[in-house]
Amino acid sequence: MLVAIASDHAGFELKQTLSGYLKELGYQPLDLGTFSTAPVDYPDFAEAIGRAIRDGRAQRGVLICGSGVGASVAANKIPGIRAGLTHDTYSAHQGVEHDDMNIIVLGARVIGAEMARELVRTFLAAEFTGEERHRRRLDKIKAIEGKEWE
């Protein structure tokens, strides 16, 4: 599986760690930046990872910023992206199983590298159940995305 990975400057070091971990797990990381700790804006990287998934260049994504909040908000503005800010293993698998989450968002200043590894492994191992109740809810999310807002 091709896994897009991106971060802002606050998440750069954790991104580097997780890129190597993805390879250890047998995944191919698609590194979309940033490539240093020089200050950058997280929405640029949230958009890059969202586009990579929407365009089919990656099946899932790992997005990192300082808290995870801003990157999550930005990524979820892209239709078809279901990014979840996750700091526990239950949410990492349940977000995929029930909500078809395609991007896990992590806060580099909130969790450590070991927890991040566990969350990424759990997220990537999970599969959407496809149960009717979950499909119905996803259809409602898609309907919201398609609305014209005033």
N, C-alpha and C. Protein backbone atom coordinates (compact mmCIF):
# COMPACT_ATOMS: atom_id res chain seq x y z
N MET A 1 0.85 -1.18 0.00
CA MET A 1 0.00 0.00 0.00
C MET A 1 0.89 1.24 0.00
N LEU A 2 0.54 2.21 -0.80
CA LEU A 2 1.22 3.49 -0.83
C LEU A 2 0.56 4.40 0.21
N VAL A 3 1.37 4.94 1.13
CA VAL A 3 0.87 5.78 2.22
C VAL A 3 1.51 7.16 2.11
N ALA A 4 0.69 8.17 1.87
CA ALA A 4 1.18 9.55 1.84
C ALA A 4 1.48 9.99 3.26
N ILE A 5 2.54 10.76 3.42
CA ILE A 5 2.90 11.28 4.74
C ILE A 5 3.36 12.72 4.55
N ALA A 6 2.88 13.59 5.44
CA ALA A 6 3.22 15.00 5.35
C ALA A 6 3.14 15.62 6.74
N SER A 7 3.85 16.74 6.89
CA SER A 7 3.82 17.46 8.16
C SER A 7 4.21 18.91 7.93
N ASP A 8 3.93 19.71 8.95
CA ASP A 8 4.51 21.04 8.99
C ASP A 8 5.84 20.94 9.74
N HIS A 9 6.45 22.06 10.02
CA HIS A 9 7.75 22.07 10.71
C HIS A 9 7.69 21.44 12.09
N ALA A 10 6.58 21.61 12.80
CA ALA A 10 6.45 21.05 14.15
C ALA A 10 6.40 19.53 14.12
N GLY A 11 5.95 18.97 13.03
CA GLY A 11 5.85 17.52 12.92
C GLY A 11 6.96 16.88 12.12
N PHE A 12 7.93 17.68 11.66
CA PHE A 12 8.98 17.17 10.77
C PHE A 12 9.73 15.98 11.35
N GLU A 13 10.21 16.09 12.58
CA GLU A 13 11.00 15.00 13.16
C GLU A 13 10.17 13.72 13.31
N LEU A 14 8.92 13.85 13.73
CA LEU A 14 8.06 12.67 13.85
C LEU A 14 7.76 12.09 12.46
N LYS A 15 7.60 12.95 11.48
CA LYS A 15 7.38 12.47 10.10
C LYS A 15 8.56 11.63 9.63
N GLN A 16 9.76 12.09 9.92
CA GLN A 16 10.95 11.35 9.52
C GLN A 16 10.98 9.97 10.19
N THR A 17 10.66 9.94 11.47
CA THR A 17 10.61 8.68 12.21
C THR A 17 9.57 7.74 11.62
N LEU A 18 8.38 8.27 11.35
CA LEU A 18 7.29 7.43 10.85
C LEU A 18 7.51 6.98 9.41
N SER A 19 8.20 7.77 8.62
CA SER A 19 8.52 7.36 7.24
C SER A 19 9.35 6.09 7.26
N GLY A 20 10.35 6.05 8.13
CA GLY A 20 11.16 4.84 8.27
C GLY A 20 10.35 3.68 8.80
N TYR A 21 9.47 3.96 9.74
CA TYR A 21 8.63 2.91 10.32
C TYR A 21 7.68 2.32 9.27
N LEU A 22 7.14 3.18 8.41
CA LEU A 22 6.27 2.67 7.34
C LEU A 22 7.02 1.67 6.47
N LYS A 23 8.26 1.96 6.16
CA LYS A 23 9.08 1.04 5.37
C LYS A 23 9.29 -0.27 6.11
N GLU A 24 9.56 -0.19 7.41
CA GLU A 24 9.73 -1.40 8.23
C GLU A 24 8.48 -2.27 8.18
N LEU A 25 7.31 -1.63 8.14
CA LEU A 25 6.05 -2.37 8.10
C LEU A 25 5.71 -2.90 6.71
N GLY A 26 6.50 -2.52 5.72
CA GLY A 26 6.27 -3.01 4.36
C GLY A 26 5.44 -2.07 3.50
N TYR A 27 5.21 -0.86 3.95
CA TYR A 27 4.47 0.13 3.18
C TYR A 27 5.45 1.02 2.42
N GLN A 28 4.95 1.62 1.36
CA GLN A 28 5.76 2.56 0.59
C GLN A 28 5.30 3.97 0.92
N PRO A 29 6.13 4.75 1.64
CA PRO A 29 5.73 6.11 1.97
C PRO A 29 5.90 7.06 0.78
N LEU A 30 4.93 7.94 0.61
CA LEU A 30 5.00 9.03 -0.36
C LEU A 30 5.17 10.29 0.45
N ASP A 31 6.40 10.79 0.55
CA ASP A 31 6.72 11.93 1.41
C ASP A 31 6.39 13.22 0.68
N LEU A 32 5.43 13.96 1.20
CA LEU A 32 4.96 15.20 0.58
C LEU A 32 5.47 16.45 1.30
N GLY A 33 6.45 16.27 2.19
CA GLY A 33 7.04 17.42 2.88
C GLY A 33 6.39 17.62 4.23
N THR A 34 6.87 18.57 4.88
CA THR A 34 7.96 19.48 4.66
C THR A 34 9.26 18.72 4.81
N PHE A 35 10.34 19.34 4.40
CA PHE A 35 11.62 18.64 4.37
C PHE A 35 12.65 19.25 5.31
N SER A 36 12.19 20.07 6.26
CA SER A 36 13.08 20.64 7.26
C SER A 36 12.24 21.19 8.42
N THR A 37 12.90 21.76 9.39
CA THR A 37 12.20 22.37 10.51
C THR A 37 11.97 23.87 10.30
N ALA A 38 12.24 24.36 9.10
CA ALA A 38 11.97 25.77 8.80
C ALA A 38 10.46 26.00 8.84
N PRO A 39 10.00 27.10 9.44
CA PRO A 39 8.56 27.35 9.57
C PRO A 39 7.82 27.34 8.23
N VAL A 40 6.70 26.61 8.23
CA VAL A 40 5.81 26.50 7.07
C VAL A 40 4.38 26.53 7.58
N ASP A 41 3.42 26.52 6.66
CA ASP A 41 2.01 26.57 7.03
C ASP A 41 1.36 25.21 6.82
N TYR A 42 0.77 24.66 7.89
CA TYR A 42 0.19 23.32 7.84
C TYR A 42 -0.90 23.15 6.78
N PRO A 43 -1.70 24.17 6.43
CA PRO A 43 -2.72 23.92 5.41
C PRO A 43 -2.15 23.48 4.06
N ASP A 44 -0.93 23.93 3.75
CA ASP A 44 -0.32 23.53 2.48
C ASP A 44 -0.07 22.03 2.44
N PHE A 45 0.30 21.45 3.55
CA PHE A 45 0.61 20.03 3.60
C PHE A 45 -0.64 19.18 3.77
N ALA A 46 -1.64 19.74 4.44
CA ALA A 46 -2.94 19.06 4.53
C ALA A 46 -3.55 18.96 3.13
N GLU A 47 -3.44 20.03 2.35
CA GLU A 47 -3.95 19.99 0.98
C GLU A 47 -3.17 19.00 0.13
N ALA A 48 -1.87 18.98 0.26
CA ALA A 48 -1.04 18.07 -0.53
C ALA A 48 -1.41 16.61 -0.27
N ILE A 49 -1.59 16.26 0.99
CA ILE A 49 -1.91 14.87 1.32
C ILE A 49 -3.34 14.53 0.89
N GLY A 50 -4.25 15.48 1.07
CA GLY A 50 -5.63 15.25 0.63
C GLY A 50 -5.73 15.05 -0.87
N ARG A 51 -5.01 15.87 -1.63
CA ARG A 51 -5.00 15.72 -3.09
C ARG A 51 -4.39 14.38 -3.51
N ALA A 52 -3.34 13.96 -2.83
CA ALA A 52 -2.70 12.68 -3.17
C ALA A 52 -3.68 11.52 -3.00
N ILE A 53 -4.48 11.57 -1.97
CA ILE A 53 -5.46 10.51 -1.74
C ILE A 53 -6.61 10.63 -2.74
N ARG A 54 -7.12 11.83 -2.94
CA ARG A 54 -8.22 12.03 -3.91
C ARG A 54 -7.82 11.63 -5.32
N ASP A 55 -6.55 11.90 -5.69
CA ASP A 55 -6.07 11.59 -7.03
C ASP A 55 -5.64 10.14 -7.20
N GLY A 56 -5.69 9.36 -6.12
CA GLY A 56 -5.31 7.95 -6.20
C GLY A 56 -3.82 7.69 -6.16
N ARG A 57 -3.01 8.69 -5.80
CA ARG A 57 -1.57 8.48 -5.70
C ARG A 57 -1.19 7.78 -4.40
N ALA A 58 -2.12 7.73 -3.45
CA ALA A 58 -1.93 7.01 -2.18
C ALA A 58 -3.28 6.52 -1.71
N GLN A 59 -3.28 5.43 -0.97
CA GLN A 59 -4.54 4.87 -0.46
C GLN A 59 -4.91 5.47 0.89
N ARG A 60 -3.92 5.78 1.70
CA ARG A 60 -4.15 6.38 3.02
C ARG A 60 -3.06 7.40 3.29
N GLY A 61 -3.28 8.19 4.37
CA GLY A 61 -2.31 9.22 4.68
C GLY A 61 -2.06 9.36 6.16
N VAL A 62 -0.87 9.89 6.48
CA VAL A 62 -0.46 10.22 7.82
C VAL A 62 -0.08 11.70 7.79
N LEU A 63 -0.77 12.51 8.56
CA LEU A 63 -0.58 13.95 8.57
C LEU A 63 -0.22 14.40 9.98
N ILE A 64 0.80 15.25 10.10
CA ILE A 64 1.30 15.62 11.42
C ILE A 64 1.51 17.12 11.50
N CYS A 65 1.04 17.71 12.60
CA CYS A 65 1.40 19.09 12.93
C CYS A 65 1.63 19.12 14.44
N GLY A 66 1.79 20.29 15.01
CA GLY A 66 2.09 20.37 16.43
C GLY A 66 1.03 19.73 17.31
N SER A 67 -0.21 20.17 17.18
CA SER A 67 -1.30 19.61 17.98
C SER A 67 -2.12 18.58 17.20
N GLY A 68 -2.09 18.67 15.88
CA GLY A 68 -2.93 17.85 15.03
C GLY A 68 -4.25 18.51 14.69
N VAL A 69 -4.64 19.51 15.45
CA VAL A 69 -5.94 20.14 15.27
C VAL A 69 -6.02 20.91 13.96
N GLY A 70 -5.10 21.82 13.73
CA GLY A 70 -5.15 22.64 12.52
C GLY A 70 -5.07 21.81 11.25
N ALA A 71 -4.17 20.85 11.23
CA ALA A 71 -4.02 20.00 10.05
C ALA A 71 -5.29 19.18 9.80
N SER A 72 -5.92 18.73 10.86
CA SER A 72 -7.16 17.97 10.73
C SER A 72 -8.28 18.84 10.15
N VAL A 73 -8.41 20.05 10.67
CA VAL A 73 -9.43 20.97 10.17
C VAL A 73 -9.20 21.23 8.67
N ALA A 74 -7.96 21.52 8.30
CA ALA A 74 -7.65 21.84 6.90
C ALA A 74 -7.91 20.64 5.98
N ALA A 75 -7.46 19.47 6.37
CA ALA A 75 -7.62 18.28 5.52
C ALA A 75 -9.10 17.96 5.29
N ASN A 76 -9.92 18.16 6.30
CA ASN A 76 -11.34 17.83 6.18
C ASN A 76 -12.12 18.81 5.32
N LYS A 77 -11.50 19.86 4.84
CA LYS A 77 -12.16 20.78 3.90
C LYS A 77 -12.17 20.20 2.49
N ILE A 78 -11.39 19.18 2.24
CA ILE A 78 -11.29 18.58 0.91
C ILE A 78 -12.35 17.48 0.78
N PRO A 79 -13.26 17.62 -0.18
CA PRO A 79 -14.29 16.59 -0.36
C PRO A 79 -13.66 15.21 -0.55
N GLY A 80 -14.24 14.24 0.14
CA GLY A 80 -13.75 12.87 0.04
C GLY A 80 -12.69 12.52 1.06
N ILE A 81 -12.20 13.52 1.77
CA ILE A 81 -11.19 13.26 2.80
C ILE A 81 -11.89 13.13 4.14
N ARG A 82 -11.51 12.10 4.86
CA ARG A 82 -12.02 11.86 6.20
C ARG A 82 -10.80 11.70 7.11
N ALA A 83 -10.36 12.84 7.63
CA ALA A 83 -9.17 12.88 8.47
C ALA A 83 -9.58 12.89 9.93
N GLY A 84 -8.96 12.05 10.72
CA GLY A 84 -9.28 11.98 12.14
C GLY A 84 -8.06 12.25 13.01
N LEU A 85 -8.21 13.20 13.91
CA LEU A 85 -7.18 13.47 14.90
C LEU A 85 -7.23 12.34 15.93
N THR A 86 -6.13 11.64 16.08
CA THR A 86 -6.13 10.41 16.86
C THR A 86 -4.97 10.38 17.83
N HIS A 87 -5.30 10.13 19.10
CA HIS A 87 -4.26 10.00 20.11
C HIS A 87 -4.42 8.71 20.92
N ASP A 88 -5.30 7.81 20.45
CA ASP A 88 -5.49 6.53 21.14
C ASP A 88 -5.76 5.44 20.10
N THR A 89 -5.45 4.20 20.44
CA THR A 89 -5.57 3.11 19.47
C THR A 89 -7.02 2.80 19.11
N TYR A 90 -7.94 2.95 20.05
CA TYR A 90 -9.34 2.69 19.72
C TYR A 90 -9.80 3.58 18.56
N SER A 91 -9.52 4.87 18.66
CA SER A 91 -9.93 5.80 17.60
C SER A 91 -9.19 5.50 16.29
N ALA A 92 -7.95 5.03 16.39
CA ALA A 92 -7.16 4.74 15.19
C ALA A 92 -7.79 3.63 14.36
N HIS A 93 -8.33 2.60 15.00
CA HIS A 93 -8.97 1.53 14.20
C HIS A 93 -10.45 1.79 13.99
N GLN A 94 -11.14 2.31 14.99
CA GLN A 94 -12.57 2.55 14.85
C GLN A 94 -12.85 3.61 13.80
N GLY A 95 -11.99 4.59 13.66
CA GLY A 95 -12.16 5.63 12.65
C GLY A 95 -12.15 5.06 11.25
N VAL A 96 -11.40 4.01 11.04
CA VAL A 96 -11.39 3.33 9.73
C VAL A 96 -12.57 2.39 9.63
N GLU A 97 -12.79 1.56 10.65
CA GLU A 97 -13.82 0.53 10.61
C GLU A 97 -15.22 1.12 10.44
N HIS A 98 -15.52 2.22 11.12
CA HIS A 98 -16.86 2.79 11.09
C HIS A 98 -17.00 3.99 10.18
N ASP A 99 -15.95 4.82 10.10
CA ASP A 99 -16.05 6.09 9.39
C ASP A 99 -15.25 6.15 8.10
N ASP A 100 -14.58 5.04 7.75
CA ASP A 100 -13.76 4.97 6.54
C ASP A 100 -12.72 6.09 6.51
N MET A 101 -12.14 6.39 7.66
CA MET A 101 -11.11 7.42 7.79
C MET A 101 -9.95 7.08 6.85
N ASN A 102 -9.53 8.06 6.05
CA ASN A 102 -8.43 7.79 5.12
C ASN A 102 -7.15 8.56 5.47
N ILE A 103 -7.21 9.44 6.44
CA ILE A 103 -6.01 10.12 6.93
C ILE A 103 -6.03 10.11 8.45
N ILE A 104 -4.94 9.66 9.04
CA ILE A 104 -4.78 9.78 10.48
C ILE A 104 -3.96 11.05 10.72
N VAL A 105 -4.41 11.86 11.66
CA VAL A 105 -3.73 13.10 11.99
C VAL A 105 -3.17 12.97 13.40
N LEU A 106 -1.91 13.34 13.55
CA LEU A 106 -1.21 13.20 14.82
C LEU A 106 -0.66 14.54 15.28
N GLY A 107 -0.65 14.74 16.58
CA GLY A 107 -0.05 15.93 17.18
C GLY A 107 1.33 15.60 17.70
N ALA A 108 2.36 16.10 17.03
CA ALA A 108 3.73 15.78 17.41
C ALA A 108 4.10 16.31 18.79
N ARG A 109 3.42 17.37 19.23
CA ARG A 109 3.70 17.93 20.55
C ARG A 109 2.80 17.33 21.62
N VAL A 110 1.97 16.38 21.22
CA VAL A 110 1.01 15.77 22.14
C VAL A 110 1.37 14.33 22.45
N ILE A 111 1.83 13.60 21.46
CA ILE A 111 2.17 12.19 21.65
C ILE A 111 3.65 11.96 21.33
N GLY A 112 4.19 10.89 21.85
CA GLY A 112 5.57 10.53 21.57
C GLY A 112 5.69 9.62 20.37
N ALA A 113 6.91 9.34 19.99
CA ALA A 113 7.18 8.53 18.80
C ALA A 113 6.64 7.11 18.94
N GLU A 114 6.75 6.52 20.11
CA GLU A 114 6.29 5.14 20.28
C GLU A 114 4.77 5.04 20.13
N MET A 115 4.04 5.97 20.73
CA MET A 115 2.59 5.98 20.57
C MET A 115 2.24 6.24 19.10
N ALA A 116 2.94 7.13 18.45
CA ALA A 116 2.68 7.43 17.04
C ALA A 116 2.86 6.17 16.19
N ARG A 117 3.90 5.40 16.45
CA ARG A 117 4.10 4.15 15.71
C ARG A 117 2.91 3.21 15.90
N GLU A 118 2.49 3.07 17.15
CA GLU A 118 1.37 2.17 17.46
C GLU A 118 0.08 2.64 16.76
N LEU A 119 -0.15 3.94 16.76
CA LEU A 119 -1.36 4.47 16.12
C LEU A 119 -1.33 4.26 14.62
N VAL A 120 -0.19 4.50 14.00
CA VAL A 120 -0.07 4.33 12.54
C VAL A 120 -0.25 2.85 12.18
N ARG A 121 0.38 1.97 12.93
CA ARG A 121 0.24 0.53 12.67
C ARG A 121 -1.22 0.09 12.79
N THR A 122 -1.89 0.56 13.82
CA THR A 122 -3.29 0.22 14.05
C THR A 122 -4.18 0.78 12.94
N PHE A 123 -3.97 2.02 12.58
CA PHE A 123 -4.73 2.68 11.50
C PHE A 123 -4.58 1.93 10.18
N LEU A 124 -3.37 1.57 9.83
CA LEU A 124 -3.13 0.92 8.54
C LEU A 124 -3.62 -0.53 8.50
N ALA A 125 -3.69 -1.17 9.65
CA ALA A 125 -4.18 -2.56 9.70
C ALA A 125 -5.71 -2.63 9.66
N ALA A 126 -6.37 -1.54 9.98
CA ALA A 126 -7.84 -1.54 10.06
C ALA A 126 -8.47 -1.48 8.68
N GLU A 127 -9.67 -2.02 8.59
CA GLU A 127 -10.44 -2.00 7.34
C GLU A 127 -11.87 -1.54 7.62
N PHE A 128 -12.44 -0.81 6.68
CA PHE A 128 -13.83 -0.38 6.77
C PHE A 128 -14.73 -1.61 6.77
N THR A 129 -15.70 -1.65 7.69
CA THR A 129 -16.56 -2.84 7.79
C THR A 129 -17.57 -2.91 6.66
N GLY A 130 -17.98 -1.76 6.15
CA GLY A 130 -18.98 -1.75 5.07
C GLY A 130 -20.39 -2.04 5.55
N GLU A 131 -20.61 -2.11 6.86
CA GLU A 131 -21.94 -2.36 7.38
C GLU A 131 -22.91 -1.28 6.92
N GLU A 132 -24.16 -1.65 6.76
CA GLU A 132 -25.17 -0.74 6.22
C GLU A 132 -25.24 0.56 7.02
N ARG A 133 -25.22 0.47 8.33
CA ARG A 133 -25.34 1.68 9.15
C ARG A 133 -24.17 2.63 8.92
N HIS A 134 -22.98 2.08 8.66
CA HIS A 134 -21.81 2.92 8.41
C HIS A 134 -21.85 3.51 6.99
N ARG A 135 -22.28 2.72 6.03
CA ARG A 135 -22.45 3.24 4.66
C ARG A 135 -23.48 4.35 4.63
N ARG A 136 -24.59 4.15 5.36
CA ARG A 136 -25.64 5.17 5.42
C ARG A 136 -25.09 6.48 5.96
N ARG A 137 -24.32 6.41 7.00
CA ARG A 137 -23.74 7.61 7.61
C ARG A 137 -22.72 8.28 6.68
N LEU A 138 -21.95 7.47 6.00
CA LEU A 138 -20.99 8.04 5.03
C LEU A 138 -21.72 8.74 3.89
N ASP A 139 -22.83 8.16 3.45
CA ASP A 139 -23.63 8.81 2.41
C ASP A 139 -24.13 10.18 2.88
N LYS A 140 -24.48 10.29 4.15
CA LYS A 140 -24.91 11.58 4.69
C LYS A 140 -23.76 12.58 4.72
N ILE A 141 -22.58 12.11 5.04
CA ILE A 141 -21.41 12.99 5.01
C ILE A 141 -21.16 13.48 3.59
N LYS A 142 -21.25 12.58 2.62
CA LYS A 142 -21.05 12.97 1.22
C LYS A 142 -22.10 13.98 0.79
N ALA A 143 -23.31 13.83 1.27
CA ALA A 143 -24.37 14.79 0.94
C ALA A 143 -24.05 16.17 1.51
N ILE A 144 -23.52 16.22 2.71
CA ILE A 144 -23.12 17.49 3.31
C ILE A 144 -22.02 18.13 2.47
N GLU A 145 -21.05 17.32 2.04
CA GLU A 145 -19.95 17.85 1.22
C GLU A 145 -20.45 18.46 -0.09
N GLY A 146 -21.51 17.88 -0.62
CA GLY A 146 -22.01 18.33 -1.92
C GLY A 146 -22.95 19.51 -1.85
N LYS A 147 -23.31 19.97 -0.65
CA LYS A 147 -24.24 21.10 -0.51
C LYS A 147 -23.56 22.40 -0.86
N GLU A 148 -24.35 23.30 -1.39
CA GLU A 148 -23.89 24.68 -1.59
C GLU A 148 -24.17 25.44 -0.32
N TRP A 149 -23.17 26.05 0.26
CA TRP A 149 -23.33 26.79 1.52
C TRP A 149 -23.37 28.27 1.24
N GLU A 150 -24.21 28.94 1.94
CA GLU A 150 -24.37 30.39 1.75
C GLU A 150 -23.36 31.15 2.56
